[in-house]
Amino acid sequence: MRHLRHLAAAAALFLSACGGDDPFGINPAGVQFESARQRWSAGQPEQYQFNYTRVCFCAVVHEVRVTVTNGVVTSAVVVESGQPLAGAALAQIPTIDDLFETVRDALARNAHDLRVTYDATRGFPTQIIVDYREMVADDEFLHTVREFGDTRLSSSR
């Protein structure tokens, strides 16, 4: 019993000397990302809709109802006004896969602050908060996804 306590103390001392929160190099955010990505890939519908909002210092904020078909945004309508987006504005609206790429990029670039909430069932990100650099103003942004629906299911009713 005494040997186990010494072994545990030595292991704790060794691990604390390695520095950082994770001496084994496992990134919990990366593991969470991969698990969510796998859930999304396993059940990704061909056609789906969701309400999307992006908050940043780069654009006017509007909640948009997005329709995606075969991995491409085919429609985006401002919820408040019913105004459809077109051209460059439409091209800036992400799919769920694009949002996963946003998270992957933040992980790869070792963003100062990255917080992601995933849908427990389907795995898609419901909220992404990124601040790439701690002491740089205006590089933060927030993405939110609400009211997700598989349009194939709703159109077959």
C-alpha atoms as a PDB file:
ATOM      1  CA  MET A   1       0.000   0.000   0.000  1.00  0.00           C
ATOM      2  CA  ARG A   2       2.826   2.372   0.906  1.00  0.00           C
ATOM      3  CA  HIS A   3       4.512   1.646  -2.420  1.00  0.00           C
ATOM      4  CA  LEU A   4       1.353   2.611  -4.300  1.00  0.00           C
ATOM      5  CA  ARG A   5       1.251   5.988  -2.532  1.00  0.00           C
ATOM      6  CA  HIS A   6       4.891   6.628  -3.422  1.00  0.00           C
ATOM      7  CA  LEU A   7       4.278   5.584  -7.003  1.00  0.00           C
ATOM      8  CA  ALA A   8       1.224   7.866  -7.226  1.00  0.00           C
ATOM      9  CA  ALA A   9       3.192  10.776  -5.737  1.00  0.00           C
ATOM     10  CA  ALA A  10       6.082  10.202  -8.157  1.00  0.00           C
ATOM     11  CA  ALA A  11       3.695  10.031 -11.112  1.00  0.00           C
ATOM     12  CA  ALA A  12       2.006  13.263 -10.049  1.00  0.00           C
ATOM     13  CA  LEU A  13       5.375  14.994  -9.690  1.00  0.00           C
ATOM     14  CA  PHE A  14       6.513  13.708 -13.080  1.00  0.00           C
ATOM     15  CA  LEU A  15       3.315  14.780 -14.806  1.00  0.00           C
ATOM     16  CA  SER A  16       3.317  18.219 -13.225  1.00  0.00           C
ATOM     17  CA  ALA A  17       6.861  18.755 -14.479  1.00  0.00           C
ATOM     18  CA  CYS A  18       5.652  18.249 -18.044  1.00  0.00           C
ATOM     19  CA  GLY A  19       3.661  21.495 -17.915  1.00  0.00           C
ATOM     20  CA  GLY A  20       0.282  22.290 -19.369  1.00  0.00           C
ATOM     21  CA  ASP A  21      -3.057  20.815 -18.531  1.00  0.00           C
ATOM     22  CA  ASP A  22      -2.591  17.708 -20.598  1.00  0.00           C
ATOM     23  CA  PRO A  23       0.765  15.935 -20.307  1.00  0.00           C
ATOM     24  CA  PHE A  24      -0.278  13.281 -22.835  1.00  0.00           C
ATOM     25  CA  GLY A  25      -0.978  15.714 -25.694  1.00  0.00           C
ATOM     26  CA  ILE A  26      -4.689  14.939 -25.875  1.00  0.00           C
ATOM     27  CA  ASN A  27      -6.637  18.052 -26.767  1.00  0.00           C
ATOM     28  CA  PRO A  28     -10.139  17.739 -25.231  1.00  0.00           C
ATOM     29  CA  ALA A  29     -11.551  20.298 -27.700  1.00  0.00           C
ATOM     30  CA  GLY A  30     -10.090  18.267 -30.566  1.00  0.00           C
ATOM     31  CA  VAL A  31     -11.547  15.019 -29.228  1.00  0.00           C
ATOM     32  CA  GLN A  32     -14.940  16.673 -28.774  1.00  0.00           C
ATOM     33  CA  PHE A  33     -14.691  18.071 -32.326  1.00  0.00           C
ATOM     34  CA  GLU A  34     -13.914  14.661 -33.861  1.00  0.00           C
ATOM     35  CA  SER A  35     -16.727  12.962 -31.959  1.00  0.00           C
ATOM     36  CA  ALA A  36     -19.241  15.624 -33.039  1.00  0.00           C
ATOM     37  CA  ARG A  37     -17.972  15.530 -36.630  1.00  0.00           C
ATOM     38  CA  GLN A  38     -18.456  11.762 -36.740  1.00  0.00           C
ATOM     39  CA  ARG A  39     -22.029  12.075 -35.421  1.00  0.00           C
ATOM     40  CA  TRP A  40     -22.778  14.705 -38.072  1.00  0.00           C
ATOM     41  CA  SER A  41     -21.223  12.674 -40.885  1.00  0.00           C
ATOM     42  CA  ALA A  42     -23.120   9.533 -39.878  1.00  0.00           C
ATOM     43  CA  GLY A  43     -26.530  11.193 -40.114  1.00  0.00           C
ATOM     44  CA  GLN A  44     -25.993  14.232 -42.334  1.00  0.00           C
ATOM     45  CA  PRO A  45     -29.140  14.866 -44.378  1.00  0.00           C
ATOM     46  CA  GLU A  46     -28.939  15.763 -48.063  1.00  0.00           C
ATOM     47  CA  GLN A  47     -31.169  18.763 -47.467  1.00  0.00           C
ATOM     48  CA  TYR A  48     -31.569  20.736 -44.263  1.00  0.00           C
ATOM     49  CA  GLN A  49     -32.414  24.179 -42.886  1.00  0.00           C
ATOM     50  CA  PHE A  50     -31.287  26.181 -39.873  1.00  0.00           C
ATOM     51  CA  ASN A  51     -31.329  29.698 -38.510  1.00  0.00           C
ATOM     52  CA  TYR A  52     -27.855  31.219 -38.556  1.00  0.00           C
ATOM     53  CA  THR A  53     -26.376  34.299 -36.937  1.00  0.00           C
ATOM     54  CA  ARG A  54     -22.808  35.585 -37.081  1.00  0.00           C
ATOM     55  CA  VAL A  55     -21.725  38.303 -34.690  1.00  0.00           C
ATOM     56  CA  CYS A  56     -18.422  40.030 -35.407  1.00  0.00           C
ATOM     57  CA  PHE A  57     -16.929  43.408 -36.253  1.00  0.00           C
ATOM     58  CA  CYS A  58     -17.222  42.610 -39.937  1.00  0.00           C
ATOM     59  CA  ALA A  59     -20.879  42.818 -40.849  1.00  0.00           C
ATOM     60  CA  VAL A  60     -24.405  43.759 -39.927  1.00  0.00           C
ATOM     61  CA  VAL A  61     -26.019  41.091 -37.753  1.00  0.00           C
ATOM     62  CA  HIS A  62     -29.189  39.439 -39.037  1.00  0.00           C
ATOM     63  CA  GLU A  63     -30.611  36.038 -38.261  1.00  0.00           C
ATOM     64  CA  VAL A  64     -30.902  34.169 -41.545  1.00  0.00           C
ATOM     65  CA  ARG A  65     -32.915  31.049 -42.419  1.00  0.00           C
ATOM     66  CA  VAL A  66     -30.518  28.903 -44.443  1.00  0.00           C
ATOM     67  CA  THR A  67     -31.393  26.029 -46.768  1.00  0.00           C
ATOM     68  CA  VAL A  68     -28.634  23.611 -47.791  1.00  0.00           C
ATOM     69  CA  THR A  69     -29.006  21.001 -50.529  1.00  0.00           C
ATOM     70  CA  ASN A  70     -26.258  18.480 -51.307  1.00  0.00           C
ATOM     71  CA  GLY A  71     -23.710  20.505 -49.343  1.00  0.00           C
ATOM     72  CA  VAL A  72     -24.464  23.850 -51.013  1.00  0.00           C
ATOM     73  CA  VAL A  73     -26.351  26.839 -49.599  1.00  0.00           C
ATOM     74  CA  THR A  74     -29.298  27.189 -51.970  1.00  0.00           C
ATOM     75  CA  SER A  75     -31.245  29.829 -50.059  1.00  0.00           C
ATOM     76  CA  ALA A  76     -30.788  32.303 -47.219  1.00  0.00           C
ATOM     77  CA  VAL A  77     -33.590  34.600 -46.093  1.00  0.00           C
ATOM     78  CA  VAL A  78     -33.346  37.299 -43.415  1.00  0.00           C
ATOM     79  CA  VAL A  79     -35.769  36.085 -40.746  1.00  0.00           C
ATOM     80  CA  GLU A  80     -36.932  39.537 -39.641  1.00  0.00           C
ATOM     81  CA  SER A  81     -37.719  40.969 -43.089  1.00  0.00           C
ATOM     82  CA  GLY A  82     -38.165  37.933 -45.346  1.00  0.00           C
ATOM     83  CA  GLN A  83     -35.556  39.435 -47.689  1.00  0.00           C
ATOM     84  CA  PRO A  84     -33.609  36.748 -49.607  1.00  0.00           C
ATOM     85  CA  LEU A  85     -29.837  37.074 -49.831  1.00  0.00           C
ATOM     86  CA  ALA A  86     -28.135  36.858 -53.216  1.00  0.00           C
ATOM     87  CA  GLY A  87     -24.700  37.160 -54.771  1.00  0.00           C
ATOM     88  CA  ALA A  88     -21.798  37.909 -52.425  1.00  0.00           C
ATOM     89  CA  ALA A  89     -24.062  38.005 -49.352  1.00  0.00           C
ATOM     90  CA  LEU A  90     -25.396  34.511 -50.100  1.00  0.00           C
ATOM     91  CA  ALA A  91     -21.870  33.219 -50.794  1.00  0.00           C
ATOM     92  CA  GLN A  92     -20.809  34.184 -47.257  1.00  0.00           C
ATOM     93  CA  ILE A  93     -23.438  32.014 -45.553  1.00  0.00           C
ATOM     94  CA  PRO A  94     -21.910  28.763 -44.284  1.00  0.00           C
ATOM     95  CA  THR A  95     -23.151  25.206 -44.392  1.00  0.00           C
ATOM     96  CA  ILE A  96     -22.787  23.023 -41.293  1.00  0.00           C
ATOM     97  CA  ASP A  97     -19.674  21.530 -42.918  1.00  0.00           C
ATOM     98  CA  ASP A  98     -18.259  25.055 -43.282  1.00  0.00           C
ATOM     99  CA  LEU A  99     -18.865  25.646 -39.578  1.00  0.00           C
ATOM    100  CA  PHE A 100     -16.960  22.462 -38.756  1.00  0.00           C
ATOM    101  CA  GLU A 101     -14.102  23.833 -40.882  1.00  0.00           C
ATOM    102  CA  THR A 102     -14.218  27.054 -38.840  1.00  0.00           C
ATOM    103  CA  VAL A 103     -13.706  24.993 -35.688  1.00  0.00           C
ATOM    104  CA  ARG A 104     -10.963  22.895 -37.326  1.00  0.00           C
ATOM    105  CA  ASP A 105      -9.172  26.096 -38.381  1.00  0.00           C
ATOM    106  CA  ALA A 106      -9.370  27.576 -34.873  1.00  0.00           C
ATOM    107  CA  LEU A 107      -7.964  24.332 -33.432  1.00  0.00           C
ATOM    108  CA  ALA A 108      -5.170  24.219 -36.028  1.00  0.00           C
ATOM    109  CA  ARG A 109      -4.268  27.869 -35.420  1.00  0.00           C
ATOM    110  CA  ASN A 110      -4.336  27.319 -31.649  1.00  0.00           C
ATOM    111  CA  ALA A 111      -6.878  30.098 -31.077  1.00  0.00           C
ATOM    112  CA  HIS A 112      -6.525  31.905 -27.762  1.00  0.00           C
ATOM    113  CA  ASP A 113     -10.180  31.221 -26.912  1.00  0.00           C
ATOM    114  CA  LEU A 114     -12.333  28.615 -28.611  1.00  0.00           C
ATOM    115  CA  ARG A 115     -15.664  27.544 -27.155  1.00  0.00           C
ATOM    116  CA  VAL A 116     -17.969  25.254 -29.082  1.00  0.00           C
ATOM    117  CA  THR A 117     -21.317  23.764 -28.158  1.00  0.00           C
ATOM    118  CA  TYR A 118     -22.489  20.796 -30.223  1.00  0.00           C
ATOM    119  CA  ASP A 119     -25.956  19.353 -30.742  1.00  0.00           C
ATOM    120  CA  ALA A 120     -26.084  16.250 -28.542  1.00  0.00           C
ATOM    121  CA  THR A 121     -27.901  14.122 -31.122  1.00  0.00           C
ATOM    122  CA  ARG A 122     -26.662  15.171 -34.568  1.00  0.00           C
ATOM    123  CA  GLY A 123     -23.296  16.638 -33.584  1.00  0.00           C
ATOM    124  CA  PHE A 124     -23.424  19.920 -35.521  1.00  0.00           C
ATOM    125  CA  PRO A 125     -22.062  23.059 -33.790  1.00  0.00           C
ATOM    126  CA  THR A 126     -24.846  25.139 -32.244  1.00  0.00           C
ATOM    127  CA  GLN A 127     -22.496  27.863 -30.998  1.00  0.00           C
ATOM    128  CA  ILE A 128     -18.903  28.728 -31.897  1.00  0.00           C
ATOM    129  CA  ILE A 129     -16.997  31.470 -30.108  1.00  0.00           C
ATOM    130  CA  VAL A 130     -13.486  32.212 -31.393  1.00  0.00           C
ATOM    131  CA  ASP A 131     -10.889  34.759 -30.335  1.00  0.00           C
ATOM    132  CA  TYR A 132      -7.728  34.010 -32.269  1.00  0.00           C
ATOM    133  CA  ARG A 133      -5.349  36.341 -30.434  1.00  0.00           C
ATOM    134  CA  GLU A 134      -5.641  37.541 -26.859  1.00  0.00           C
ATOM    135  CA  MET A 135      -4.417  41.101 -27.225  1.00  0.00           C
ATOM    136  CA  VAL A 136      -5.900  41.887 -30.652  1.00  0.00           C
ATOM    137  CA  ALA A 137      -9.172  43.780 -30.881  1.00  0.00           C
ATOM    138  CA  ASP A 138     -11.906  42.917 -33.339  1.00  0.00           C
ATOM    139  CA  ASP A 139     -10.772  39.400 -34.275  1.00  0.00           C
ATOM    140  CA  GLU A 140     -13.479  37.686 -32.213  1.00  0.00           C
ATOM    141  CA  PHE A 141     -16.646  36.225 -33.636  1.00  0.00           C
ATOM    142  CA  LEU A 142     -19.665  34.184 -32.654  1.00  0.00           C
ATOM    143  CA  HIS A 143     -21.661  31.796 -34.843  1.00  0.00           C
ATOM    144  CA  THR A 144     -25.012  30.410 -33.708  1.00  0.00           C
ATOM    145  CA  VAL A 145     -27.202  27.729 -35.250  1.00  0.00           C
ATOM    146  CA  ARG A 146     -30.806  27.330 -34.119  1.00  0.00           C
ATOM    147  CA  GLU A 147     -33.952  25.596 -35.307  1.00  0.00           C
ATOM    148  CA  PHE A 148     -32.173  22.915 -37.319  1.00  0.00           C
ATOM    149  CA  GLY A 149     -34.420  20.719 -39.453  1.00  0.00           C
ATOM    150  CA  ASP A 150     -34.059  17.982 -42.046  1.00  0.00           C
ATOM    151  CA  THR A 151     -36.204  19.407 -44.863  1.00  0.00           C
ATOM    152  CA  ARG A 152     -36.508  16.038 -46.525  1.00  0.00           C
ATOM    153  CA  LEU A 153     -38.454  14.826 -43.474  1.00  0.00           C
ATOM    154  CA  SER A 154     -40.682  17.900 -43.296  1.00  0.00           C
ATOM    155  CA  SER A 155     -41.449  17.862 -47.046  1.00  0.00           C
ATOM    156  CA  SER A 156     -42.518  14.194 -46.978  1.00  0.00           C
ATOM    157  CA  ARG A 157     -45.290  14.869 -44.424  1.00  0.00           C
END
